[in-house]
Protein backbone atom coordinates (compact mmCIF):
# COMPACT_ATOMS: atom_id res chain seq x y z
CA MET A 1 -40.88 -89.80 151.59
CA ALA A 2 -37.27 -90.67 150.88
CA LEU A 3 -34.71 -90.34 148.10
CA ILE A 4 -31.25 -91.81 148.51
CA LYS A 5 -28.56 -91.13 145.93
CA SER A 6 -25.47 -93.28 146.19
CA ILE A 7 -22.64 -94.59 144.04
CA SER A 8 -24.61 -97.78 143.42
CA GLY A 9 -27.70 -96.02 142.04
CA ILE A 10 -30.72 -94.10 143.18
CA ARG A 11 -33.58 -95.43 145.30
CA GLY A 12 -36.55 -93.93 147.00
CA THR A 13 -40.24 -94.07 147.76
CA ILE A 14 -42.80 -93.45 145.05
CA GLY A 15 -44.87 -90.27 145.31
CA GLY A 16 -43.99 -86.85 146.74
CA ALA A 17 -41.98 -83.81 145.79
CA VAL A 18 -39.16 -83.73 143.24
CA GLY A 19 -35.81 -84.31 144.93
CA GLU A 20 -37.48 -85.68 148.05
CA ALA A 21 -38.79 -88.98 146.66
CA LEU A 22 -38.36 -91.15 143.58
CA THR A 23 -40.54 -89.06 141.27
CA PRO A 24 -40.71 -89.32 137.45
CA VAL A 25 -38.47 -86.24 137.23
CA ASP A 26 -35.80 -87.90 139.40
CA VAL A 27 -36.03 -91.15 137.42
CA VAL A 28 -35.56 -89.32 134.11
CA LYS A 29 -32.64 -87.26 135.38
CA PHE A 30 -30.79 -90.23 136.79
CA ALA A 31 -31.47 -92.46 133.76
CA ALA A 32 -30.17 -89.66 131.54
CA ALA A 33 -27.03 -89.35 133.67
CA PHE A 34 -26.29 -93.06 133.46
CA GLY A 35 -27.03 -93.21 129.73
CA THR A 36 -24.70 -90.26 129.18
CA TRP A 37 -21.96 -91.96 131.22
CA VAL A 38 -22.30 -95.17 129.19
CA LEU A 39 -22.05 -93.27 125.89
CA GLN A 40 -19.03 -91.27 127.08
CA THR A 41 -17.07 -94.17 128.55
CA THR A 42 -17.90 -97.08 126.23
CA GLN A 43 -19.05 -95.47 122.96
CA ASN A 44 -21.62 -98.27 123.07
CA ASP A 45 -25.19 -97.25 122.29
CA THR A 46 -27.04 -100.27 123.80
CA ILE A 47 -28.34 -100.71 127.35
CA VAL A 48 -30.23 -103.70 128.79
CA ILE A 49 -33.00 -103.07 131.33
CA GLY A 50 -35.20 -105.35 133.43
CA ARG A 51 -37.38 -105.08 136.50
CA ASP A 52 -38.91 -106.93 139.40
CA ALA A 53 -42.69 -107.06 139.90
CA ARG A 54 -43.16 -104.16 142.31
CA LEU A 55 -46.19 -101.94 141.71
CA SER A 56 -44.27 -98.97 140.31
CA GLY A 57 -42.09 -101.11 138.05
CA GLU A 58 -43.96 -100.68 134.81
CA MET A 59 -44.16 -96.89 135.19
CA VAL A 60 -40.47 -96.54 136.06
CA ASN A 61 -39.57 -98.94 133.24
CA ARG A 62 -41.33 -96.77 130.63
CA LEU A 63 -39.67 -93.61 131.95
CA VAL A 64 -36.20 -95.17 131.85
CA ALA A 65 -36.62 -96.72 128.41
CA ALA A 66 -37.94 -93.50 126.82
CA THR A 67 -35.17 -91.41 128.41
CA LEU A 68 -32.46 -93.72 127.09
CA GLN A 69 -34.04 -93.68 123.63
CA GLY A 70 -34.03 -89.88 123.81
CA LEU A 71 -30.25 -90.04 124.23
CA GLY A 72 -29.96 -92.15 121.08
CA ILE A 73 -29.47 -95.38 123.05
CA ASN A 74 -30.95 -98.68 121.89
CA VAL A 75 -32.87 -100.35 124.72
CA ILE A 76 -33.22 -104.10 125.16
CA ASP A 77 -36.02 -104.59 127.69
CA LEU A 78 -36.20 -107.96 129.46
CA GLY A 79 -39.42 -106.88 131.19
CA LEU A 80 -40.21 -108.84 134.35
CA SER A 81 -36.91 -110.49 135.16
CA THR A 82 -34.34 -111.14 137.89
CA THR A 83 -31.26 -109.14 138.82
CA PRO A 84 -28.85 -111.97 137.90
CA THR A 85 -30.62 -112.51 134.56
CA VAL A 86 -30.10 -108.85 133.61
CA GLU A 87 -26.47 -109.11 134.74
CA MET A 88 -25.89 -112.04 132.39
CA ALA A 89 -27.77 -110.43 129.49
CA VAL A 90 -25.55 -107.31 129.39
CA PRO A 91 -22.35 -109.03 128.16
CA ALA A 92 -24.38 -111.57 126.15
CA LYS A 93 -25.86 -108.70 124.12
CA LYS A 94 -22.51 -106.83 124.08
CA ALA A 95 -24.27 -103.84 125.66
CA GLY A 96 -22.59 -100.81 127.21
CA GLY A 97 -24.38 -101.29 130.53
CA GLY A 98 -27.56 -102.29 132.28
CA ILE A 99 -30.20 -100.91 134.61
CA ILE A 100 -32.14 -103.11 137.02
CA LEU A 101 -35.35 -101.54 138.30
CA THR A 102 -35.68 -102.99 141.79
CA ALA A 103 -35.43 -101.88 145.39
CA SER A 104 -34.40 -105.44 146.28
CA HIS A 105 -35.68 -106.33 149.77
CA ASN A 106 -37.27 -102.91 150.45
CA PRO A 107 -41.08 -102.72 150.88
CA LYS A 108 -43.44 -102.15 147.93
CA GLN A 109 -43.48 -98.32 148.13
CA TRP A 110 -39.77 -98.30 147.23
CA ASN A 111 -38.08 -98.63 143.85
CA ALA A 112 -34.57 -98.05 142.54
CA LEU A 113 -32.30 -97.88 139.53
CA LYS A 114 -29.33 -100.22 140.00
CA LEU A 115 -26.53 -99.68 137.54
CA LEU A 116 -24.36 -102.23 135.71
CA ASN A 117 -21.20 -101.76 133.66
CA GLN A 118 -20.56 -103.45 130.33
CA ASN A 119 -19.50 -106.65 132.13
CA GLY A 120 -22.90 -106.91 133.78
CA GLU A 121 -21.39 -106.05 137.18
CA PHE A 122 -22.34 -103.21 139.51
CA ILE A 123 -20.46 -100.00 138.79
CA ASN A 124 -17.66 -99.09 141.23
CA ASP A 125 -17.25 -96.07 143.51
CA ALA A 126 -15.43 -93.88 140.99
CA GLU A 127 -17.93 -94.65 138.23
CA GLY A 128 -20.87 -94.04 140.56
CA LYS A 129 -19.50 -90.64 141.52
CA LEU A 130 -19.23 -89.66 137.85
CA VAL A 131 -22.87 -90.62 137.28
CA LEU A 132 -23.93 -88.58 140.33
CA GLU A 133 -21.98 -85.57 139.01
CA LEU A 134 -23.65 -85.82 135.60
CA ALA A 135 -27.06 -85.96 137.27
CA GLU A 136 -26.26 -82.95 139.45
CA GLN A 137 -24.98 -80.90 136.49
CA GLU A 138 -27.74 -82.15 134.15
CA SER A 139 -25.07 -82.45 131.46
CA PHE A 140 -27.23 -84.27 128.93
CA GLN A 141 -27.20 -84.03 125.15
CA PHE A 142 -30.31 -85.59 123.70
CA ALA A 143 -30.46 -87.03 120.18
CA GLU A 144 -32.06 -85.51 117.11
CA VAL A 145 -35.32 -87.03 115.93
CA THR A 146 -33.67 -89.16 113.24
CA LYS A 147 -31.17 -90.60 115.74
CA LEU A 148 -33.47 -91.73 118.55
CA GLY A 149 -32.69 -95.13 120.03
CA LYS A 150 -34.60 -98.29 119.16
CA TYR A 151 -36.66 -100.23 121.70
CA THR A 152 -36.92 -104.02 121.67
CA GLN A 153 -38.41 -106.49 124.13
CA THR A 154 -37.35 -110.07 124.75
CA ASP A 155 -38.33 -112.76 127.23
CA LYS A 156 -35.69 -115.29 126.16
CA PHE A 157 -32.98 -114.53 128.68
CA LEU A 158 -34.42 -116.27 131.73
CA LYS A 159 -34.44 -119.53 129.76
CA LYS A 160 -30.85 -118.87 128.66
CA HIS A 161 -29.90 -118.12 132.27
CA ILE A 162 -31.42 -121.41 133.45
CA LYS A 163 -29.77 -123.38 130.63
CA ALA A 164 -26.39 -121.91 131.60
CA ILE A 165 -27.01 -123.09 135.18
CA LEU A 166 -27.98 -126.60 134.03
CA ASP A 167 -24.79 -126.75 131.94
CA LEU A 168 -22.52 -126.11 134.95
CA PRO A 169 -20.34 -129.16 135.75
CA LEU A 170 -21.26 -129.05 139.46
CA VAL A 171 -25.03 -129.00 138.83
CA ASP A 172 -26.15 -132.65 138.66
CA VAL A 173 -29.69 -132.79 137.29
CA GLU A 174 -29.85 -136.59 137.40
CA ALA A 175 -28.88 -136.67 141.09
CA ILE A 176 -31.63 -134.14 141.88
CA LYS A 177 -34.23 -136.00 139.80
CA SER A 178 -33.42 -139.29 141.53
CA LYS A 179 -34.39 -137.88 144.94
CA GLY A 180 -37.95 -136.89 143.98
CA PHE A 181 -37.69 -133.70 145.99
CA LYS A 182 -40.81 -131.92 147.22
CA VAL A 183 -40.14 -128.20 147.53
CA VAL A 184 -42.09 -125.18 148.85
CA VAL A 185 -41.37 -121.78 147.24
CA ASP A 186 -42.20 -118.35 148.70
CA ALA A 187 -41.43 -115.66 146.11
CA VAL A 188 -43.22 -112.74 147.84
CA ASN A 189 -45.35 -112.13 144.70
CA SER A 190 -42.44 -110.96 142.56
CA SER A 191 -40.19 -112.26 139.79
CA GLY A 192 -39.11 -115.35 141.69
CA GLY A 193 -42.71 -116.52 141.39
CA PHE A 194 -42.06 -117.67 137.83
CA ALA A 195 -38.23 -117.85 137.77
CA VAL A 196 -37.76 -120.28 140.67
CA PRO A 197 -40.46 -122.79 139.58
CA MET A 198 -39.08 -122.68 136.02
CA LEU A 199 -35.65 -123.62 137.36
CA LEU A 200 -37.00 -126.32 139.68
CA GLU A 201 -38.96 -127.94 136.84
CA ALA A 202 -35.82 -127.95 134.68
CA LEU A 203 -33.93 -129.58 137.56
CA GLY A 204 -36.49 -132.36 137.81
CA VAL A 205 -37.99 -131.49 141.19
CA GLU A 206 -40.97 -133.80 141.69
CA HIS A 207 -43.41 -131.45 143.44
CA ILE A 208 -43.42 -127.63 143.75
CA GLU A 209 -45.73 -126.04 146.30
CA LYS A 210 -46.11 -122.33 145.51
CA ILE A 211 -46.73 -119.62 148.12
CA HIS A 212 -47.03 -116.00 146.95
CA CYS A 213 -45.78 -116.83 143.45
CA ASP A 214 -48.16 -114.55 141.50
CA PRO A 215 -45.95 -111.61 140.35
CA THR A 216 -48.43 -108.85 141.22
CA GLY A 217 -46.05 -106.72 143.27
CA HIS A 218 -48.41 -106.89 146.26
CA PHE A 219 -45.84 -108.26 148.68
CA ALA A 220 -47.61 -110.65 151.04
CA HIS A 221 -45.11 -109.98 153.84
CA ASN A 222 -41.97 -107.95 154.45
CA PRO A 223 -39.88 -108.95 151.41
CA GLU A 224 -36.58 -109.27 153.26
CA PRO A 225 -36.02 -113.04 153.67
CA LEU A 226 -35.34 -112.96 157.43
CA PRO A 227 -36.75 -115.54 159.91
CA GLU A 228 -39.24 -113.09 161.41
CA ASN A 229 -40.86 -112.66 157.95
CA LEU A 230 -41.07 -116.35 157.06
CA GLY A 231 -43.69 -117.68 159.47
CA GLU A 232 -46.08 -118.83 156.76
CA ILE A 233 -43.64 -121.03 154.85
CA ALA A 234 -42.33 -122.40 158.16
CA ARG A 235 -45.87 -123.54 159.08
CA VAL A 236 -46.40 -125.11 155.64
CA MET A 237 -43.11 -127.01 155.97
CA GLU A 238 -43.95 -128.13 159.49
CA ARG A 239 -47.38 -129.50 158.48
CA GLY A 240 -46.47 -131.00 155.12
CA ASN A 241 -44.14 -133.70 153.88
CA PHE A 242 -41.59 -131.48 152.16
CA ASP A 243 -37.82 -131.72 151.74
CA LEU A 244 -36.91 -128.06 151.38
CA GLY A 245 -38.31 -124.55 151.58
CA ILE A 246 -36.98 -121.83 149.27
CA VAL A 247 -37.44 -118.10 149.83
CA VAL A 248 -36.13 -115.36 147.53
CA ASP A 249 -36.34 -111.58 147.68
CA PRO A 250 -38.20 -109.59 144.96
CA ASP A 251 -35.29 -109.48 142.48
CA VAL A 252 -34.01 -113.02 143.18
CA ASP A 253 -30.44 -112.29 144.23
CA ARG A 254 -30.86 -113.44 147.85
CA LEU A 255 -31.68 -117.00 148.90
CA ALA A 256 -32.97 -118.24 152.26
CA LEU A 257 -33.68 -121.91 152.98
CA VAL A 258 -36.12 -123.62 155.35
CA ASN A 259 -35.56 -127.08 156.83
CA GLU A 260 -38.00 -129.97 156.44
CA ASP A 261 -39.29 -129.41 159.98
CA GLY A 262 -40.00 -125.69 159.45
CA SER A 263 -36.87 -124.46 161.22
CA MET A 264 -34.63 -121.97 159.48
CA PHE A 265 -31.46 -123.20 157.76
CA GLY A 266 -30.10 -119.69 158.39
CA GLU A 267 -29.54 -116.99 155.76
CA GLU A 268 -25.85 -116.83 156.76
CA TYR A 269 -25.52 -120.55 156.05
CA THR A 270 -26.82 -120.50 152.46
CA LEU A 271 -23.35 -119.47 151.26
CA VAL A 272 -21.60 -121.78 153.75
CA ALA A 273 -23.44 -124.88 152.49
CA VAL A 274 -23.05 -124.08 148.79
CA ALA A 275 -19.35 -123.24 149.29
CA ASP A 276 -18.88 -126.53 151.14
CA TYR A 277 -20.24 -128.42 148.14
CA VAL A 278 -18.08 -126.47 145.66
CA LEU A 279 -14.97 -126.97 147.84
CA GLN A 280 -15.60 -130.72 147.99
CA ASN A 281 -15.12 -130.76 144.23
CA GLN A 282 -12.47 -128.07 143.76
CA VAL A 283 -9.92 -126.71 146.23
CA GLY A 284 -9.79 -122.93 146.09
CA ASN A 285 -10.29 -119.62 147.84
CA THR A 286 -13.50 -118.05 149.13
CA VAL A 287 -14.60 -114.51 149.98
CA SER A 288 -17.37 -112.96 152.05
CA ASN A 289 -17.72 -109.55 153.64
CA LEU A 290 -16.49 -108.62 157.10
CA SER A 291 -19.97 -108.86 158.64
CA SER A 292 -20.59 -112.44 157.47
CA THR A 293 -20.25 -115.58 159.57
CA ARG A 294 -16.88 -117.12 160.38
CA ALA A 295 -18.32 -120.51 159.37
CA LEU A 296 -17.27 -119.89 155.74
CA ARG A 297 -13.67 -119.48 156.86
CA ASP A 298 -13.85 -122.71 158.88
CA VAL A 299 -15.31 -124.69 155.97
CA THR A 300 -12.79 -123.21 153.50
CA GLU A 301 -9.71 -123.90 155.64
CA LYS A 302 -10.91 -127.44 156.41
CA ALA A 303 -11.06 -128.05 152.65
CA GLY A 304 -7.53 -126.71 152.15
CA GLY A 305 -8.45 -123.31 150.70
CA GLN A 306 -7.89 -119.76 151.89
CA TYR A 307 -10.62 -117.41 153.09
CA PHE A 308 -10.53 -113.64 152.50
CA ALA A 309 -12.79 -110.91 153.92
CA SER A 310 -13.86 -107.88 151.90
CA ALA A 311 -15.52 -104.60 152.74
CA VAL A 312 -19.33 -104.75 152.89
CA GLY A 313 -21.08 -104.38 149.51
CA GLU A 314 -21.38 -106.67 146.50
CA VAL A 315 -18.92 -104.72 144.34
CA ASN A 316 -16.30 -105.04 147.11
CA VAL A 317 -16.87 -108.78 147.42
CA VAL A 318 -16.52 -109.19 143.64
CA ASN A 319 -13.31 -107.14 143.53
CA MET A 320 -11.79 -109.25 146.33
CA MET A 321 -12.91 -112.47 144.60
CA LYS A 322 -11.14 -111.41 141.42
CA ALA A 323 -8.01 -110.35 143.31
CA GLN A 324 -7.81 -113.67 145.18
CA ASN A 325 -9.08 -115.87 142.34
CA ALA A 326 -11.90 -117.14 144.56
CA ILE A 327 -14.00 -120.04 143.26
CA ILE A 328 -17.07 -118.94 145.25
CA GLY A 329 -18.05 -116.04 147.47
CA GLY A 330 -20.89 -113.81 148.51
CA GLU A 331 -22.56 -112.23 151.49
CA GLY A 332 -24.19 -113.52 154.65
CA ASN A 333 -27.58 -112.20 153.51
CA GLY A 334 -28.06 -115.25 151.29
CA GLY A 335 -26.12 -113.86 148.34
CA ILE A 336 -24.22 -116.50 146.32
CA ILE A 337 -21.61 -115.37 143.78
CA TYR A 338 -20.35 -118.21 141.57
CA PRO A 339 -17.81 -116.86 139.05
CA GLU A 340 -18.08 -119.87 136.74
CA LEU A 341 -21.51 -118.48 135.84
CA HIS A 342 -21.07 -114.74 136.45
CA TYR A 343 -19.88 -112.21 139.04
CA GLY A 344 -23.18 -111.34 140.71
CA ARG A 345 -25.37 -112.57 143.57
CA ASP A 346 -27.64 -115.21 142.08
CA ALA A 347 -30.31 -117.12 144.02
CA LEU A 348 -31.01 -119.37 141.01
CA VAL A 349 -27.50 -120.80 140.76
CA GLY A 350 -27.51 -121.06 144.56
CA ILE A 351 -30.66 -123.22 144.41
CA ALA A 352 -29.20 -125.53 141.75
CA LEU A 353 -25.90 -126.03 143.58
CA PHE A 354 -27.63 -126.52 146.94
CA LEU A 355 -30.10 -129.09 145.59
CA THR A 356 -27.20 -131.02 144.05
CA HIS A 357 -25.39 -130.87 147.42
CA LEU A 358 -28.51 -132.03 149.28
CA ALA A 359 -29.11 -134.86 146.82
CA LYS A 360 -25.55 -136.15 146.96
CA SER A 361 -25.28 -135.84 150.75
CA GLY A 362 -28.24 -138.17 151.30
CA LEU A 363 -29.15 -136.10 154.37
CA ARG A 364 -32.29 -134.29 155.43
CA MET A 365 -31.98 -130.48 155.51
CA SER A 366 -31.71 -130.27 159.30
CA ARG A 367 -28.99 -132.94 159.40
CA LEU A 368 -26.99 -131.16 156.70
CA ARG A 369 -27.24 -127.89 158.63
CA ALA A 370 -26.02 -129.63 161.80
CA LYS A 371 -22.76 -130.52 160.01
CA TYR A 372 -21.61 -126.91 159.98
CA PRO A 373 -20.01 -124.85 162.75
CA ASN A 374 -22.83 -123.17 164.66
CA TYR A 375 -22.28 -119.44 165.10
CA HIS A 376 -24.71 -116.71 166.09
CA ILE A 377 -24.55 -113.04 165.04
CA SER A 378 -25.86 -110.23 167.23
CA LYS A 379 -26.81 -107.18 165.15
CA ASN A 380 -26.97 -103.81 166.90
CA LYS A 381 -26.58 -100.11 166.27
CA ILE A 382 -25.85 -97.04 168.35
CA GLU A 383 -27.26 -93.67 167.30
CA LEU A 384 -25.03 -90.64 167.74
CA THR A 385 -25.55 -86.91 167.52
CA LYS A 386 -24.35 -85.23 164.32
CA GLU A 387 -21.67 -83.35 166.27
CA ILE A 388 -19.81 -86.54 167.19
CA ASP A 389 -16.81 -87.45 165.01
CA VAL A 390 -17.59 -91.10 164.24
CA ASP A 391 -14.16 -91.72 162.68
CA ALA A 392 -12.45 -90.46 165.83
CA VAL A 393 -14.61 -92.74 167.97
CA LEU A 394 -13.74 -95.77 165.84
CA ALA A 395 -10.04 -94.83 166.01
CA ARG A 396 -10.24 -94.80 169.84
CA VAL A 397 -11.88 -98.24 169.86
CA GLN A 398 -9.16 -99.55 167.54
CA LYS A 399 -6.46 -98.17 169.86
CA GLN A 400 -8.17 -99.68 172.91
CA TYR A 401 -8.07 -103.16 171.37
CA ALA A 402 -4.72 -102.82 169.60
CA LYS A 403 -3.46 -106.13 171.04
CA GLN A 404 -6.18 -108.07 169.16
CA PRO A 405 -6.13 -108.88 165.42
CA ILE A 406 -7.84 -105.92 163.72
CA ASN A 407 -9.07 -105.33 160.16
CA THR A 408 -9.75 -101.71 159.12
CA ILE A 409 -10.69 -102.02 155.42
CA ASP A 410 -14.31 -101.22 156.33
CA GLY A 411 -14.74 -99.70 159.77
CA VAL A 412 -13.08 -101.72 162.55
CA LYS A 413 -13.28 -105.50 162.95
CA ILE A 414 -11.76 -106.95 166.10
CA GLU A 415 -11.15 -110.70 166.45
CA PHE A 416 -11.17 -112.62 169.73
CA ASN A 417 -10.15 -116.22 168.90
CA LYS A 418 -13.29 -117.52 167.12
CA GLU A 419 -15.40 -114.51 168.12
CA TRP A 420 -15.44 -111.12 166.45
CA VAL A 421 -17.08 -107.71 166.54
CA HIS A 422 -17.43 -105.42 163.51
CA LEU A 423 -18.11 -101.68 163.79
CA ARG A 424 -19.15 -99.71 160.70
CA LYS A 425 -20.43 -96.17 160.37
CA SER A 426 -23.48 -95.50 158.25
CA ASN A 427 -22.92 -93.42 155.11
CA THR A 428 -26.30 -91.69 155.42
CA GLU A 429 -26.92 -91.09 159.14
CA PRO A 430 -24.97 -90.71 162.43
CA ILE A 431 -25.10 -94.39 163.34
CA ILE A 432 -22.47 -97.00 164.15
CA ARG A 433 -23.57 -100.53 163.28
CA ILE A 434 -22.16 -103.13 165.66
CA TYR A 435 -22.22 -106.82 164.66
CA ALA A 436 -20.76 -109.50 166.92
CA GLU A 437 -20.48 -113.26 166.41
CA SER A 438 -19.91 -116.14 168.81
CA GLU A 439 -20.83 -119.81 169.14
CA ASN A 440 -23.40 -118.67 171.72
CA ILE A 441 -25.97 -115.92 171.08
CA SER A 442 -25.78 -114.61 174.65
CA THR A 443 -22.00 -114.33 174.33
CA ALA A 444 -22.39 -112.48 171.03
CA ASP A 445 -24.89 -110.10 172.68
CA HIS A 446 -22.51 -109.61 175.61
CA LEU A 447 -19.58 -108.86 173.27
CA ALA A 448 -21.65 -106.31 171.32
CA ASN A 449 -22.87 -104.65 174.53
CA LYS A 450 -19.27 -104.47 175.83
CA ILE A 451 -18.22 -102.54 172.72
CA ILE A 452 -21.32 -100.32 172.92
CA GLY A 453 -20.33 -99.52 176.50
CA ASP A 454 -16.80 -98.65 175.37
CA ILE A 455 -18.19 -96.29 172.71
CA LYS A 456 -20.44 -94.55 175.22
CA GLU A 457 -17.49 -94.13 177.57
CA ILE A 458 -15.36 -92.63 174.77
CA ILE A 459 -18.13 -90.19 173.89
CA SER A 460 -18.55 -89.26 177.56
CA ASP A 461 -14.81 -88.59 177.91
CA LYS A 462 -14.87 -86.32 174.87
CA SER A 463 -17.80 -84.30 176.17
CA GLU A 464 -16.16 -83.55 179.52
């Protein structure tokens, strides 16, 4: 059993002891803390909630809604929805905040409360710490019986979300319709099962083949949209006469694409391709996090824009995008952030922009992918004992490579011409994550292993 409290919310496994898993008691306490924070900071008594289709969603939803009502907060419940839809509904309803009930790509035994500010964006570090303090202190003042909050349900916002996407200048519905696309969708039996087909129909896609699109919450495979989990859709693409495969995670904020021959387009390259299309129509800046592929930088600079790297985490990407006035950004996990719609990862807008790009390019998926710089990322970690000072180890590595370009906004990132290695410490366990990228996977592995060797040598020196 697990319960993880962080500045971005609370997540854990369902079932177990209070304080050791995501039990009803923990859900109520944390919902009360967030509701209290919203009332104190915004004086706004409305909160929007929505959930993905995981098995515990309905139970957690009722607990959260009733707790907020108990505080005197009016609840607008979108029911089964997507993370980006809830994000857009918060400012549309002029609410004080939002709660998304989803553990994103985690397996079905997990759930979480993800917290949004009044702009429909994830709360920042300082705000998250205040919510955690309120939960710890249990500083809640519940409303009298005549002042309980109202509860309303609506299913209109997904349609509004899709209409807003269709109205974007860079989404060309006629171009998509003219191609008669045949698309396969794997939505891992969650909210994407109805959201993605609804969008594709509105875009004029000719044929939609659905895999795992019944939102039962019984995830048919590991819900993280990584190549090792996408064997079934790859086989369907390989056997059939399809143009594109689409895979989303349970809450529809991450987008992975599959080529017409069943090969993977590459989760890192979802953002690269969509950014390429946007940059063809508007010169501007882009942002991704430090652990994302260099290909975005290459595409951006080729188009005459500037690329900026942020610390890992959606809120950090968004803050950097605002600071640099970026026209598109996101993360290498298939997360597209398109500010013209809203500041949040959104697989639906990613699909619409990508289909427009594919239609206008006149290329097959695999040919389009071949246009982009081909990098490979090696992802590794090294486990340390709790006695080891991880910060001191990272400082030694930084000193050792002081002659190379180094970025320290989030761990240590060292650049070697077009190759890089990024070292980050985990916030929850004594682990250093080591990502390396090169044009060759064996070179990326070698670079990562070289740094791992350096770390082991530093630790050995300290122990002598």
